[in-house]
Amino acid sequence: MQFFVFNGLLSKQSLEREKSCMHRTWNLWGAIVIYLEVKRIRLKVSSSFAVMSIL
């Protein structure tokens, strides 16, 4: 998941310093990432169903 990759890119020192600021944006980031993941999975499922119906 991109979320954890992004988390890993930040150094621990900057994370500690920005923790209070990040905590607020983190929830928003999480919501966006989860939304995109769900959308992508739904797209995959619907496309596979379309392929199955054609076959």
C-alpha atoms as a PDB file:
ATOM      1  CA  MET A   1       0.000   0.000   0.000  1.00  0.00           C
ATOM      2  CA  GLN A   2       1.322   3.449  -0.952  1.00  0.00           C
ATOM      3  CA  PHE A   3       0.375   4.773   2.490  1.00  0.00           C
ATOM      4  CA  PHE A   4       3.091   2.791   4.272  1.00  0.00           C
ATOM      5  CA  VAL A   5       5.651   3.545   1.560  1.00  0.00           C
ATOM      6  CA  PHE A   6       5.006   7.263   2.068  1.00  0.00           C
ATOM      7  CA  ASN A   7       5.319   6.762   5.831  1.00  0.00           C
ATOM      8  CA  GLY A   8       8.637   4.950   5.370  1.00  0.00           C
ATOM      9  CA  LEU A   9      10.077   7.770   3.241  1.00  0.00           C
ATOM     10  CA  LEU A  10       9.785  10.247   6.110  1.00  0.00           C
ATOM     11  CA  SER A  11      12.669  10.281   8.573  1.00  0.00           C
ATOM     12  CA  LYS A  12      11.828   9.604  12.218  1.00  0.00           C
ATOM     13  CA  GLN A  13      13.071  13.025  13.382  1.00  0.00           C
ATOM     14  CA  SER A  14      10.856  14.972  10.979  1.00  0.00           C
ATOM     15  CA  LEU A  15       7.969  12.654  11.846  1.00  0.00           C
ATOM     16  CA  GLU A  16       8.385  13.428  15.558  1.00  0.00           C
ATOM     17  CA  ARG A  17       8.550  17.158  14.866  1.00  0.00           C
ATOM     18  CA  GLU A  18       5.512  17.185  12.586  1.00  0.00           C
ATOM     19  CA  LYS A  19       3.520  14.529  14.451  1.00  0.00           C
ATOM     20  CA  SER A  20       0.795  16.910  15.691  1.00  0.00           C
ATOM     21  CA  CYS A  21       0.395  18.450  12.239  1.00  0.00           C
ATOM     22  CA  MET A  22       0.656  15.085  10.490  1.00  0.00           C
ATOM     23  CA  HIS A  23      -1.885  13.423  12.769  1.00  0.00           C
ATOM     24  CA  ARG A  24      -4.588  15.720  11.404  1.00  0.00           C
ATOM     25  CA  THR A  25      -3.637  15.188   7.753  1.00  0.00           C
ATOM     26  CA  TRP A  26      -2.940  11.465   8.339  1.00  0.00           C
ATOM     27  CA  ASN A  27      -6.641  10.664   8.758  1.00  0.00           C
ATOM     28  CA  LEU A  28      -7.385  12.547   5.531  1.00  0.00           C
ATOM     29  CA  TRP A  29      -4.527  10.768   3.724  1.00  0.00           C
ATOM     30  CA  GLY A  30      -5.785   7.410   4.991  1.00  0.00           C
ATOM     31  CA  ALA A  31      -9.309   8.156   3.831  1.00  0.00           C
ATOM     32  CA  ILE A  32      -8.093   9.181   0.360  1.00  0.00           C
ATOM     33  CA  VAL A  33      -5.848   6.117  -0.011  1.00  0.00           C
ATOM     34  CA  ILE A  34      -8.554   3.706   1.176  1.00  0.00           C
ATOM     35  CA  TYR A  35     -11.069   5.368  -1.176  1.00  0.00           C
ATOM     36  CA  LEU A  36      -8.682   5.002  -4.136  1.00  0.00           C
ATOM     37  CA  GLU A  37      -7.883   1.379  -3.241  1.00  0.00           C
ATOM     38  CA  VAL A  38     -11.586   0.487  -3.008  1.00  0.00           C
ATOM     39  CA  LYS A  39     -12.278   2.272  -6.292  1.00  0.00           C
ATOM     40  CA  ARG A  40      -9.410   0.412  -7.986  1.00  0.00           C
ATOM     41  CA  ILE A  41     -10.572  -2.970  -6.630  1.00  0.00           C
ATOM     42  CA  ARG A  42     -14.157  -2.279  -7.749  1.00  0.00           C
ATOM     43  CA  LEU A  43     -12.883  -1.342 -11.207  1.00  0.00           C
ATOM     44  CA  LYS A  44     -10.907  -4.612 -11.376  1.00  0.00           C
ATOM     45  CA  VAL A  45     -13.915  -6.666 -10.237  1.00  0.00           C
ATOM     46  CA  SER A  46     -16.311  -4.985 -12.685  1.00  0.00           C
ATOM     47  CA  SER A  47     -13.842  -5.391 -15.583  1.00  0.00           C
ATOM     48  CA  SER A  48     -13.326  -9.093 -14.760  1.00  0.00           C
ATOM     49  CA  PHE A  49     -17.106  -9.586 -14.650  1.00  0.00           C
ATOM     50  CA  ALA A  50     -17.383  -7.881 -18.050  1.00  0.00           C
ATOM     51  CA  VAL A  51     -14.739 -10.245 -19.457  1.00  0.00           C
ATOM     52  CA  MET A  52     -16.566 -13.253 -17.946  1.00  0.00           C
ATOM     53  CA  SER A  53     -19.889 -12.171 -19.444  1.00  0.00           C
ATOM     54  CA  ILE A  54     -18.266 -11.786 -22.886  1.00  0.00           C
ATOM     55  CA  LEU A  55     -16.766 -15.309 -22.606  1.00  0.00           C
END
